[in-house]
Protein backbone atom coordinates (compact mmCIF):
# COMPACT_ATOMS: atom_id res chain seq x y z
CA MET A 1 75.17 74.67 68.64
CA ALA A 2 78.64 76.19 68.96
CA ILE A 3 79.96 78.97 71.19
CA ILE A 4 82.69 81.53 70.49
CA CYS A 5 84.69 83.15 73.29
CA VAL A 6 87.06 86.09 72.80
CA ASP A 7 90.04 86.68 75.09
CA ALA A 8 91.56 90.04 74.21
CA GLY A 9 94.91 90.16 75.98
CA THR A 10 97.44 92.95 75.92
CA THR A 11 99.60 91.44 73.19
CA VAL A 12 97.46 88.66 71.68
CA ILE A 13 93.77 88.52 70.74
CA LYS A 14 92.30 85.02 70.79
CA ALA A 15 88.95 83.61 69.69
CA VAL A 16 88.06 80.06 70.71
CA GLY A 17 85.30 77.93 69.25
CA TYR A 18 83.58 75.29 71.38
CA ASP A 19 81.37 72.50 70.06
CA ALA A 20 78.08 71.35 71.55
CA SER A 21 79.89 69.22 74.15
CA GLY A 22 82.00 72.17 75.33
CA ALA A 23 85.26 70.95 73.81
CA GLU A 24 87.74 73.40 72.27
CA THR A 25 87.59 72.83 68.52
CA VAL A 26 89.34 75.80 66.94
CA VAL A 27 91.51 78.71 68.12
CA ALA A 28 92.44 81.81 66.12
CA ARG A 29 95.05 84.34 67.25
CA ARG A 30 96.16 87.80 66.20
CA GLU A 31 99.05 89.72 67.74
CA THR A 32 98.49 93.31 68.78
CA VAL A 33 100.99 96.13 69.19
CA VAL A 34 101.67 98.09 72.36
CA SER A 35 103.16 101.45 71.45
CA ARG A 36 105.36 103.48 73.80
CA PRO A 37 105.44 106.97 72.27
CA ALA A 38 107.08 108.52 75.33
CA PRO A 39 108.87 107.23 78.44
CA GLY A 40 106.40 105.42 80.67
CA HIS A 41 103.59 105.50 78.11
CA ALA A 42 101.81 102.30 77.00
CA GLU A 43 99.06 102.65 74.39
CA GLN A 44 97.11 100.70 71.80
CA ASP A 45 95.23 101.68 68.68
CA MET A 46 91.61 100.88 69.56
CA GLY A 47 90.63 100.34 65.93
CA ALA A 48 93.47 97.86 65.48
CA VAL A 49 92.30 95.93 68.55
CA TRP A 50 88.77 95.74 67.13
CA ASP A 51 90.10 94.63 63.75
CA ALA A 52 92.04 91.83 65.46
CA VAL A 53 88.93 90.75 67.37
CA ALA A 54 86.83 90.77 64.21
CA GLY A 55 89.45 88.80 62.31
CA THR A 56 89.76 86.07 64.91
CA VAL A 57 86.00 85.72 65.40
CA ARG A 58 85.41 85.61 61.65
CA GLU A 59 88.07 82.92 61.26
CA VAL A 60 86.52 80.78 64.00
CA ALA A 61 82.94 81.35 62.86
CA ALA A 62 83.80 80.14 59.36
CA ARG A 63 84.72 76.75 60.82
CA LEU A 64 81.69 76.32 63.08
CA GLY A 65 78.00 75.75 62.59
CA ASP A 66 75.32 77.87 64.22
CA VAL A 67 76.68 79.98 67.10
CA GLU A 68 74.63 80.08 70.29
CA PHE A 69 76.38 83.12 71.77
CA VAL A 70 79.65 85.07 71.88
CA ALA A 71 81.33 85.80 75.23
CA VAL A 72 84.06 88.41 75.64
CA THR A 73 86.82 88.80 78.22
CA ALA A 74 89.75 91.18 77.92
CA GLN A 75 92.60 92.97 79.64
CA GLY A 76 91.42 95.24 82.45
CA ASP A 77 92.02 98.77 83.77
CA GLY A 78 93.38 101.57 81.61
CA CYS A 79 91.32 104.19 79.78
CA TRP A 80 89.55 103.39 76.49
CA LEU A 81 87.84 106.73 75.89
CA VAL A 82 85.06 107.09 73.32
CA ASP A 83 82.75 109.87 72.15
CA ALA A 84 78.96 109.82 72.24
CA ALA A 85 78.89 107.76 69.04
CA GLY A 86 81.18 105.15 70.59
CA GLU A 87 84.20 106.14 68.48
CA PRO A 88 87.69 106.44 70.01
CA THR A 89 88.91 109.91 70.92
CA GLY A 90 92.53 108.71 70.84
CA PRO A 91 94.57 105.62 71.59
CA ALA A 92 93.75 103.38 74.54
CA ILE A 93 95.96 104.09 77.56
CA LEU A 94 96.78 100.72 79.09
CA TRP A 95 96.88 99.15 82.54
CA ASN A 96 100.71 99.18 82.54
CA ASP A 97 101.04 102.86 81.60
CA ALA A 98 103.26 104.83 83.98
CA ARG A 99 102.68 108.46 82.97
CA ALA A 100 100.63 109.12 86.12
CA ALA A 101 103.12 107.57 88.55
CA ALA A 102 103.77 110.89 90.30
CA THR A 103 100.04 111.33 90.97
CA VAL A 104 99.80 107.86 92.48
CA ASP A 105 102.89 108.52 94.58
CA ALA A 106 101.28 111.70 95.94
CA TRP A 107 98.04 109.85 96.81
CA THR A 108 100.09 107.19 98.59
CA ARG A 109 102.15 109.69 100.55
CA ASP A 110 99.24 111.82 101.75
CA GLY A 111 97.10 108.83 102.78
CA THR A 112 94.43 109.23 100.08
CA ALA A 113 95.13 105.81 98.58
CA GLN A 114 95.02 104.07 101.95
CA GLU A 115 91.72 105.70 102.90
CA ALA A 116 90.18 104.83 99.53
CA PHE A 117 91.14 101.19 100.02
CA ARG A 118 88.69 101.00 102.93
CA ARG A 119 85.88 101.49 100.42
CA ASN A 120 87.08 99.83 97.21
CA GLY A 121 89.64 97.26 98.38
CA SER A 122 92.14 98.27 95.71
CA SER A 123 95.45 100.08 95.92
CA ALA A 124 96.18 103.02 93.65
CA ALA A 125 98.14 102.31 90.46
CA SER A 126 99.21 104.48 87.55
CA GLY A 127 97.26 102.34 85.05
CA LEU A 128 93.89 102.84 86.75
CA PRO A 129 91.35 105.37 85.43
CA HIS A 130 91.56 107.85 88.32
CA ALA A 131 95.28 108.36 87.72
CA ILE A 132 95.13 108.42 83.91
CA LEU A 133 92.12 110.76 83.81
CA THR A 134 93.88 113.10 86.25
CA TRP A 135 96.94 113.14 83.98
CA LEU A 136 94.80 113.82 80.91
CA ARG A 137 93.04 116.71 82.60
CA ALA A 138 96.41 118.33 83.23
CA ASN A 139 98.08 117.41 79.95
CA ASP A 140 95.39 116.75 77.31
CA PRO A 141 92.10 118.33 78.45
CA GLY A 142 90.88 118.51 74.86
CA ARG A 143 90.66 114.73 74.74
CA LEU A 144 88.48 114.68 77.84
CA ASP A 145 86.25 117.35 76.29
CA ARG A 146 85.77 115.12 73.22
CA SER A 147 85.06 112.01 75.32
CA HIS A 148 81.67 110.74 76.46
CA ALA A 149 82.56 107.47 78.23
CA ASN A 150 85.60 105.76 79.67
CA LEU A 151 85.49 102.07 78.78
CA THR A 152 87.85 99.17 79.31
CA CYS A 153 89.07 96.86 76.57
CA GLY A 154 86.18 94.45 77.21
CA GLY A 155 83.73 97.35 77.31
CA TRP A 156 85.11 98.66 74.00
CA ILE A 157 84.68 95.29 72.28
CA PHE A 158 81.19 94.86 73.75
CA ALA A 159 80.28 98.37 72.55
CA LYS A 160 81.51 97.61 69.03
CA MET A 161 79.46 94.40 69.00
CA THR A 162 76.25 95.65 70.60
CA GLY A 163 76.28 99.46 70.53
CA GLN A 164 75.92 99.61 74.33
CA LEU A 165 78.34 101.62 76.52
CA LEU A 166 78.56 99.70 79.80
CA ALA A 167 81.03 98.71 82.52
CA GLU A 168 81.08 95.09 83.63
CA GLU A 169 81.06 94.86 87.42
CA SER A 170 84.61 93.49 87.62
CA ASP A 171 85.99 96.30 85.44
CA ALA A 172 84.15 98.90 87.51
CA SER A 173 85.47 97.57 90.83
CA ALA A 174 88.53 99.83 90.81
CA PRO A 175 89.00 102.66 91.46
CA PHE A 176 85.57 104.31 91.93
CA MET A 177 83.32 101.51 93.24
CA ASP A 178 82.15 101.15 96.82
CA LEU A 179 82.49 97.36 97.02
CA ARG A 180 79.81 96.87 99.64
CA ALA A 181 77.27 99.01 97.76
CA ARG A 182 78.50 97.75 94.36
CA ALA A 183 78.04 101.24 92.95
CA TYR A 184 80.20 104.23 92.08
CA SER A 185 81.09 106.17 95.21
CA PRO A 186 80.82 109.99 95.28
CA ALA A 187 83.17 109.91 98.27
CA LEU A 188 85.86 108.14 96.24
CA LEU A 189 85.45 110.53 93.31
CA SER A 190 85.86 113.41 95.75
CA ALA A 191 88.85 111.85 97.53
CA PHE A 192 90.80 111.67 94.28
CA GLY A 193 89.65 115.11 93.14
CA THR A 194 87.85 113.55 90.18
CA GLU A 195 84.23 114.59 90.69
CA TRP A 196 84.39 116.04 87.18
CA ALA A 197 85.01 112.53 85.78
CA GLU A 198 81.66 111.11 86.95
CA ARG A 199 80.07 111.92 83.59
CA LEU A 200 82.56 109.54 81.92
CA LEU A 201 81.60 106.50 84.01
CA PRO A 202 79.26 104.12 82.16
CA PRO A 203 76.45 102.21 83.90
CA ILE A 204 77.59 99.12 85.84
CA ARG A 205 76.17 95.71 84.92
CA SER A 206 77.05 92.17 86.03
CA CYS A 207 77.80 89.99 82.99
CA PRO A 208 75.43 91.88 80.65
CA VAL A 209 73.91 90.21 77.59
CA ALA A 210 72.92 92.10 74.44
CA GLU A 211 72.33 91.36 70.77
CA LEU A 212 74.93 91.65 68.03
CA THR A 213 74.14 94.66 65.86
CA ARG A 214 73.73 94.53 62.11
CA ASP A 215 76.81 96.75 61.63
CA ALA A 216 79.00 94.39 63.68
CA ALA A 217 77.58 91.17 62.28
CA ALA A 218 79.22 91.37 58.85
CA PRO A 219 82.86 91.85 60.00
CA LEU A 220 82.40 89.07 62.57
CA GLY A 221 80.81 86.64 60.12
CA LEU A 222 77.84 86.06 62.43
CA PRO A 223 74.11 86.74 62.18
CA ALA A 224 72.74 89.95 63.63
CA GLY A 225 70.90 89.26 66.87
CA THR A 226 73.42 86.69 68.14
CA PRO A 227 73.62 87.11 71.95
CA VAL A 228 76.85 88.72 73.21
CA VAL A 229 77.96 88.32 76.84
CA MET A 230 80.44 90.70 78.47
CA ALA A 231 82.24 88.43 80.93
CA PRO A 232 84.43 89.73 83.76
CA TYR A 233 87.89 90.83 82.73
CA ASP A 234 90.71 88.43 82.10
CA ILE A 235 92.24 87.85 85.52
CA VAL A 236 88.78 86.84 86.75
CA THR A 237 87.83 84.60 83.85
CA THR A 238 91.23 82.94 83.98
CA ALA A 239 90.68 81.95 87.61
CA LEU A 240 87.21 80.66 86.76
CA GLY A 241 88.49 78.81 83.70
CA ALA A 242 91.11 77.10 85.85
CA GLY A 243 88.33 75.85 88.11
CA ALA A 244 88.84 78.28 91.00
CA VAL A 245 85.16 79.05 91.56
CA THR A 246 84.57 78.77 95.32
CA ALA A 247 85.89 80.73 98.30
CA GLY A 248 89.40 79.73 99.38
CA GLN A 249 90.56 78.46 95.99
CA ALA A 250 93.68 80.10 94.53
CA CYS A 251 95.00 80.72 91.05
CA GLY A 252 98.31 82.00 89.68
CA ILE A 253 98.40 83.57 86.22
CA LEU A 254 101.86 83.40 84.67
CA GLY A 255 101.33 86.02 82.01
CA THR A 256 102.25 89.60 81.14
CA THR A 257 101.28 90.19 84.74
CA LEU A 258 101.95 87.65 87.47
CA CYS A 259 98.55 87.62 89.12
CA THR A 260 98.12 85.61 92.29
CA GLU A 261 94.50 85.55 93.42
CA VAL A 262 92.06 83.89 95.79
CA LEU A 263 88.25 83.80 95.86
CA LEU A 264 86.41 85.27 98.85
CA ASP A 265 82.85 85.26 100.14
CA SER A 266 83.15 88.88 101.34
CA PRO A 267 85.62 91.71 100.76
CA ASP A 268 88.45 92.30 103.24
CA LEU A 269 88.76 96.08 103.44
CA ASP A 270 90.63 96.26 106.74
CA GLY A 271 93.93 94.65 105.76
CA ASP A 272 97.04 96.19 104.22
CA PRO A 273 96.02 98.53 101.37
CA ILE A 274 97.71 96.50 98.64
CA GLY A 275 96.37 94.58 95.65
CA ILE A 276 92.88 94.76 94.23
CA THR A 277 89.47 93.36 95.13
CA ILE A 278 87.02 92.58 92.34
CA ALA A 279 83.27 92.12 92.54
CA LEU A 280 82.06 88.82 91.06
CA PRO A 281 78.54 87.53 90.46
CA ASP A 282 78.76 85.30 93.56
CA GLY A 283 81.52 86.79 95.69
CA TYR A 284 84.83 88.59 95.33
CA LEU A 285 88.32 88.01 93.99
CA ARG A 286 91.31 89.24 95.98
CA ALA A 287 94.10 89.65 93.44
CA PHE A 288 97.71 90.79 93.38
CA PRO A 289 98.61 91.59 89.75
CA THR A 290 102.21 92.67 89.30
CA PHE A 291 103.50 95.08 86.69
CA ALA A 292 106.19 92.61 85.58
CA GLY A 293 105.57 88.98 84.65
CA THR A 294 106.55 87.00 81.58
CA GLU A 295 108.07 90.14 80.08
CA VAL A 296 110.86 89.47 82.60
CA VAL A 297 111.27 86.01 81.07
CA GLN A 298 111.44 87.52 77.59
CA TRP A 299 113.92 90.18 78.73
CA THR A 300 116.14 87.50 80.29
CA CYS A 301 116.00 85.48 77.07
CA ARG A 302 117.17 88.51 75.10
CA LEU A 303 119.89 89.24 77.63
CA LEU A 304 121.24 85.68 77.47
CA GLY A 305 120.74 85.22 73.75
CA LEU A 306 118.19 82.42 74.16
CA SER A 307 115.57 81.39 71.64
CA GLY A 308 112.68 81.56 74.07
CA PRO A 309 111.19 80.55 77.43
CA ALA A 310 111.67 76.80 76.81
CA GLU A 311 115.41 77.23 76.40
CA LEU A 312 115.49 79.49 79.46
CA GLY A 313 113.82 76.75 81.52
CA GLU A 314 116.32 74.15 80.31
CA LEU A 315 119.24 76.43 81.13
CA ALA A 316 117.83 77.28 84.57
CA ALA A 317 117.39 73.57 85.35
CA SER A 318 121.15 73.08 84.96
CA SER A 319 121.82 75.43 87.90
CA THR A 320 121.14 74.61 91.55
CA PRO A 321 118.50 75.91 93.97
CA GLY A 322 119.56 79.37 95.04
CA ALA A 323 121.36 79.97 91.71
CA GLY A 324 124.77 79.81 93.31
CA GLY A 325 124.03 82.73 95.63
CA LEU A 326 122.41 85.01 93.05
CA ALA A 327 119.26 86.92 93.93
CA PHE A 328 117.13 88.60 91.29
CA LEU A 329 114.61 91.33 92.10
CA PRO A 330 112.29 91.20 89.06
CA TYR A 331 110.82 94.70 89.29
CA LEU A 332 111.61 95.70 85.71
CA SER A 333 108.50 97.69 84.80
CA PRO A 334 109.00 101.43 84.21
CA ALA A 335 105.83 101.84 86.30
CA GLY A 336 107.56 100.34 89.35
CA GLU A 337 105.51 97.73 91.17
CA ARG A 338 101.97 97.47 92.52
CA ALA A 339 101.83 94.01 94.11
CA PRO A 340 102.37 92.83 96.75
CA PHE A 341 103.63 96.34 97.55
CA SER A 342 103.11 99.63 95.77
CA ASP A 343 106.10 101.75 94.77
CA PRO A 344 106.37 103.56 91.43
CA LEU A 345 110.12 103.89 92.00
CA ALA A 346 110.76 100.14 92.39
CA ARG A 347 113.42 98.75 90.07
CA GLY A 348 115.02 95.36 89.47
CA ALA A 349 118.44 94.16 90.49
CA LEU A 350 120.73 91.15 90.11
CA LEU A 351 122.57 90.80 93.40
CA GLY A 352 125.60 88.72 94.32
CA LEU A 353 127.09 88.39 90.83
CA SER A 354 130.70 87.23 90.52
CA PHE A 355 133.05 85.57 88.02
CA GLU A 356 131.91 82.23 89.44
CA HIS A 357 128.44 82.57 87.95
CA GLY A 358 127.37 81.45 84.50
CA ARG A 359 124.41 81.99 82.22
CA GLU A 360 122.57 79.10 83.86
CA ASP A 361 122.72 80.84 87.25
CA VAL A 362 121.33 84.06 85.82
CA ALA A 363 118.52 82.08 84.14
CA ARG A 364 117.64 80.30 87.37
CA ALA A 365 117.86 83.49 89.43
CA ALA A 366 115.36 85.18 87.10
CA LEU A 367 112.82 82.37 87.44
CA GLU A 368 113.40 82.11 91.18
CA GLY A 369 112.90 85.86 91.60
CA LEU A 370 109.57 85.73 89.78
CA THR A 371 108.55 82.73 91.86
CA MET A 372 109.43 84.53 95.11
CA VAL A 373 107.02 87.26 94.00
CA ILE A 374 104.28 84.64 93.58
CA LYS A 375 104.88 83.36 97.11
CA ASP A 376 104.96 86.93 98.42
CA CYS A 377 101.61 87.69 96.76
CA LEU A 378 100.09 84.43 97.97
CA ALA A 379 101.07 85.29 101.53
CA ALA A 380 99.51 88.74 101.10
CA THR A 381 96.12 87.21 100.28
CA GLY A 382 95.95 85.87 103.84
CA ALA A 383 94.44 82.64 102.51
CA THR A 384 95.64 79.10 103.14
CA PRO A 385 94.78 77.23 99.95
CA THR A 386 95.53 73.53 99.57
CA GLU A 387 96.66 73.87 95.93
CA LEU A 388 97.42 76.48 93.31
CA ARG A 389 95.82 76.48 89.87
CA ALA A 390 98.42 77.77 87.37
CA CYS A 391 97.70 79.13 83.91
CA GLY A 392 99.00 81.61 81.38
CA GLY A 393 101.90 81.27 78.98
CA GLY A 394 104.41 80.56 81.73
CA ALA A 395 102.49 77.45 82.79
CA ALA A 396 103.96 75.65 79.78
CA SER A 397 107.35 75.55 81.57
CA ALA A 398 107.80 72.39 83.61
CA THR A 399 110.84 73.95 85.28
CA TRP A 400 108.87 76.97 86.41
CA LEU A 401 105.92 74.91 87.66
CA GLY A 402 108.31 72.79 89.71
CA LEU A 403 109.86 75.94 91.18
CA ILE A 404 106.43 77.30 92.08
CA ALA A 405 105.54 74.07 93.87
CA ASP A 406 108.85 74.04 95.76
CA VAL A 407 108.72 77.72 96.73
CA THR A 408 105.03 77.89 97.72
CA GLY A 409 104.90 74.37 99.16
CA LEU A 410 101.65 73.75 97.28
CA PRO A 411 100.70 71.25 94.58
CA VAL A 412 100.34 73.10 91.28
CA ARG A 413 97.68 72.07 88.76
CA ARG A 414 97.10 73.23 85.20
CA SER A 415 93.98 73.28 83.11
CA ALA A 416 93.80 70.89 80.19
CA ASP A 417 92.44 73.75 78.05
CA ALA A 418 94.79 75.68 75.80
CA GLU A 419 92.95 78.96 76.48
CA VAL A 420 91.94 79.19 80.11
CA GLY A 421 90.61 82.77 80.04
CA ALA A 422 88.32 81.90 77.15
CA ARG A 423 87.11 78.86 79.08
CA GLY A 424 86.21 81.15 81.97
CA ALA A 425 84.26 83.39 79.60
CA TYR A 426 82.53 80.25 78.31
CA LEU A 427 81.44 79.33 81.85
CA VAL A 428 80.17 82.87 82.51
CA GLY A 429 78.33 82.86 79.18
CA LEU A 430 76.55 79.62 80.03
CA ALA A 431 75.33 81.05 83.33
CA ALA A 432 74.46 84.50 81.92
CA THR A 433 72.34 83.07 79.09
CA GLY A 434 70.62 80.50 81.32
CA ALA A 435 72.31 77.52 79.69
CA ALA A 436 73.76 76.54 83.10
CA PRO A 437 72.35 77.13 86.61
CA SER A 438 75.56 78.77 87.86
CA ILE A 439 79.22 79.34 87.03
CA ALA A 440 80.24 76.76 89.64
CA GLN A 441 78.01 74.09 88.12
CA ALA A 442 79.24 74.94 84.64
CA ALA A 443 82.84 74.58 85.90
CA ALA A 444 82.11 71.22 87.49
CA ARG A 445 80.99 69.96 84.11
CA HIS A 446 83.50 71.60 81.77
CA VAL A 447 86.82 72.28 83.57
CA ARG A 448 89.43 69.53 83.18
CA LEU A 449 92.76 69.55 85.03
CA ARG A 450 96.12 67.90 84.46
CA ASP A 451 98.02 65.97 87.11
CA ALA A 452 99.47 68.03 89.94
CA VAL A 453 103.15 69.01 90.22
CA GLY A 454 104.04 68.53 93.88
CA PRO A 455 106.76 70.19 95.98
CA ASP A 456 109.98 68.37 96.82
CA PRO A 457 110.32 68.39 100.67
CA GLU A 458 114.06 69.13 100.71
CA ARG A 459 113.88 71.93 98.16
CA ARG A 460 110.85 73.33 99.92
CA ARG A 461 112.89 73.73 103.13
CA LEU A 462 115.71 75.39 101.20
CA TYR A 463 113.36 77.86 99.56
CA GLU A 464 111.79 78.81 102.88
CA ARG A 465 115.20 80.22 103.86
CA PHE A 466 115.81 81.72 100.44
CA PHE A 467 112.44 83.51 100.59
CA ALA A 468 113.38 85.20 103.86
CA ASP A 469 116.67 86.24 102.23
CA PHE A 470 114.79 87.60 99.20
CA LEU A 471 112.59 89.81 101.37
CA ALA A 472 115.59 91.09 103.33
CA LEU A 473 117.51 91.94 100.17
CA ARG A 474 114.51 93.72 98.69
CA GLY A 475 114.15 95.82 101.81
CA THR A 476 117.81 96.82 101.67
CA ASN A 477 117.74 97.52 97.94
CA ALA A 478 114.56 99.62 98.22
CA THR A 479 116.52 102.34 100.01
CA SER A 480 118.30 103.03 96.71
CA TRP A 481 115.14 103.40 94.59
CA PRO A 482 114.58 107.15 95.27
CA LEU A 483 118.20 107.90 94.34
CA LEU A 484 117.90 105.84 91.18
CA GLY A 485 114.73 107.77 90.34
CA GLN A 486 116.64 111.05 90.66
CA MET A 487 119.36 109.68 88.41
CA ARG A 488 116.76 108.77 85.75
CA SER A 489 115.26 112.25 85.90
CA ARG A 490 118.67 113.77 85.19
CA ALA A 491 119.52 111.37 82.36
């Protein structure tokens, strides 16, 4: 029997087929489009996302035998609003949307966000449902009137496959869940002034399983009745797929978001109100997902006229540690930054530039800046892991992996799988359908790792000093962010 796992990312939809031994046998991919119809907006056509999912699953199914189950993981957060029939009431508003930045800034300034963190373990961000729904109520109330449920991307795909409108526990963790009760909190709804939104919140389930409907079966190329598992959303399944399945293990996702995360036995709700905390079947995930990740790499490639990330890594390797005195603050998202600090006004900067610098120094400074953010987020977790599991598109860069090892001081290990998030969904699916006793036992059997990339002792000492410099420069530069925000508003 074969298994199909869907990983619906922000820009690429993937379906992976696994044979009876659990080996990857076939991968299908479809690119998706993020539209930006207005400054700060980030949206997707929900029908186009479903079409991409159906196309990839159909392509994989055609090359497999009987399929035991389908498991789905996807991008998290945002608002994927549907009516009572499960049809979209407009485009999906994504996790990296910035239209509600002013609302989040107000919650941060008046202490609402900090108080809410003591219940849900997650900082406020403009791409979370409380902020987007608040913006819609003020700017597009008609859409809310037409809407019956607010889903996530994974919930939307699961609904299209099974007809059920549900929220997987990880998706529901922020912003309305009381983590200890693992239920929506009336106090949190009230704190954000969103009591009216309670009717839009679907029932919470942990890794639900339902049957594929007859309507969905034909476009997917699968028999009706095939079990469908809604796995946790992608930053969770990626950690699991990399083998980080027990408390204290850490993972770094080098993707559209840089997400540095560690598994916990219990939620820490008393620390600094930054990052997010996600409920898992057997614990919690403390995660620091940034707004800017590999998009910074792509932006730097365009700036320097490079063909892609591989050429950027080669160019960066020809510079020296510290990039000749250049420091790069990689806060390029129009939404500002949310981890390991929250500031919708945050912006990037290249500091220390002179005629003495070349393209190689700019390339290295960009990668070093991103890597400093990883170390900063790792420190914010409060954990002391013995290694870091790395995955995502950026993990293909040997230069970047070496930098991460040198900057964090930890051995860095990669999964041998091409699609780590799908592997995590595979592990969850095995446990949810009873084919494995637990996710941890499924991981012990099916997760394979490559050799570790270790830190160089001399470079590690250098980067300890450079990291302190990075933090100092960020603090100084942050004083200019409000002024820059005023300048943007007048432009």
